[in-house]
Amino acid sequence: MIGNVNQVLSQIDEHTKIIPGHGPLGDKAALVRYRDMLVLVTKRMKNLINPGKTIDEIIKLKSNADLDKTWGNKFLTPASFLTILHDVILNQQ
């Protein structure tokens, strides 16, 4: 997902309108914020997976609570998002 967003960012400018699958109309700055969030939560998840935490432990930690007001409880709940991210990262290893 991060790679796809980076590819789109390389092809657009500040005047481009982004029509997301979910959420309001956006622009390049909004897409940069989205990409930065994906990079941050991926880094956090890897830092929790490496010492061997389970997905249940990770969900209970609420490691992305600071992002939930902006990004959570929309299309996916925070727990659902973390579960998907966890599975993706494990499948890449």
Protein backbone atom coordinates (compact mmCIF):
# COMPACT_ATOMS: atom_id res chain seq x y z
CA MET A 1 0.00 0.00 0.00
CA ILE A 2 2.81 2.40 0.88
CA GLY A 3 4.52 1.67 -2.42
CA ASN A 4 1.29 2.27 -4.33
CA VAL A 5 0.69 5.58 -2.58
CA ASN A 6 4.28 6.64 -3.29
CA GLN A 7 3.77 5.82 -6.97
CA VAL A 8 0.61 7.93 -7.11
CA LEU A 9 2.37 10.78 -5.29
CA SER A 10 5.11 10.76 -7.92
CA GLN A 11 2.49 11.26 -10.64
CA ILE A 12 0.38 14.08 -9.19
CA ASP A 13 0.79 17.73 -8.22
CA GLU A 14 -0.77 20.12 -5.71
CA HIS A 15 -3.74 20.74 -8.03
CA THR A 16 -4.72 17.07 -8.30
CA LYS A 17 -7.94 16.02 -6.61
CA ILE A 18 -7.94 12.60 -4.95
CA ILE A 19 -11.19 10.64 -4.88
CA PRO A 20 -10.71 7.98 -2.19
CA GLY A 21 -12.75 4.82 -1.87
CA HIS A 22 -13.77 6.01 1.59
CA GLY A 23 -13.77 9.50 3.04
CA PRO A 24 -13.88 13.02 1.67
CA LEU A 25 -12.33 14.41 -1.49
CA GLY A 26 -8.60 14.95 -0.95
CA ASP A 27 -5.51 16.45 -2.47
CA LYS A 28 -1.80 15.66 -2.62
CA ALA A 29 -1.25 16.91 0.95
CA ALA A 30 -3.99 14.60 2.23
CA LEU A 31 -2.42 11.67 0.40
CA VAL A 32 0.98 12.51 1.92
CA ARG A 33 -0.61 12.51 5.40
CA TYR A 34 -2.18 9.12 4.66
CA ARG A 35 1.14 7.68 3.46
CA ASP A 36 2.95 9.06 6.52
CA MET A 37 0.36 7.41 8.78
CA LEU A 38 0.85 4.08 7.00
CA VAL A 39 4.63 4.33 7.39
CA LEU A 40 4.31 5.19 11.09
CA VAL A 41 1.87 2.41 12.00
CA THR A 42 3.91 -0.12 10.01
CA LYS A 43 7.04 0.85 11.94
CA ARG A 44 5.19 0.63 15.24
CA MET A 45 3.74 -2.77 14.36
CA LYS A 46 7.13 -4.17 13.37
CA ASN A 47 8.56 -2.94 16.67
CA LEU A 48 5.83 -4.86 18.51
CA ILE A 49 6.01 -8.02 16.39
CA ASN A 50 9.80 -8.38 16.67
CA PRO A 51 9.81 -8.99 20.43
CA GLY A 52 7.07 -11.57 19.85
CA LYS A 53 3.89 -9.82 20.95
CA THR A 54 0.67 -11.50 19.81
CA ILE A 55 -2.03 -9.61 17.95
CA ASP A 56 -4.22 -9.69 21.06
CA GLU A 57 -1.43 -8.09 23.11
CA ILE A 58 -0.84 -5.50 20.40
CA ILE A 59 -4.53 -4.55 20.24
CA LYS A 60 -4.64 -4.15 24.05
CA LEU A 61 -1.62 -1.82 23.96
CA LYS A 62 -3.50 0.66 21.75
CA SER A 63 -0.19 1.71 20.26
CA ASN A 64 -1.93 3.92 17.71
CA ALA A 65 -4.42 5.58 20.05
CA ASP A 66 -2.90 8.95 19.15
CA LEU A 67 -4.02 8.37 15.55
CA ASP A 68 -7.47 6.94 16.23
CA LYS A 69 -9.26 10.31 16.39
CA THR A 70 -8.15 11.07 12.84
CA TRP A 71 -7.85 7.63 11.27
CA GLY A 72 -9.69 5.15 13.48
CA ASN A 73 -13.30 4.02 13.69
CA LYS A 74 -14.15 4.84 10.09
CA PHE A 75 -14.10 2.15 7.43
CA LEU A 76 -12.17 -0.18 9.80
CA THR A 77 -12.05 -0.23 13.56
CA PRO A 78 -8.58 0.21 15.10
CA ALA A 79 -8.55 -3.48 16.09
CA SER A 80 -9.48 -4.59 12.56
CA PHE A 81 -6.82 -2.35 11.03
CA LEU A 82 -4.16 -3.66 13.43
CA THR A 83 -5.12 -7.25 12.68
CA ILE A 84 -4.81 -6.72 8.93
CA LEU A 85 -1.52 -4.87 9.30
CA HIS A 86 -0.19 -7.59 11.60
CA ASP A 87 -1.08 -10.32 9.10
CA VAL A 88 0.43 -8.41 6.16
CA ILE A 89 3.71 -7.86 7.99
CA LEU A 90 3.93 -11.49 9.11
CA ASN A 91 3.26 -12.68 5.55
CA GLN A 92 6.11 -10.49 4.25
CA GLN A 93 8.67 -12.01 6.61
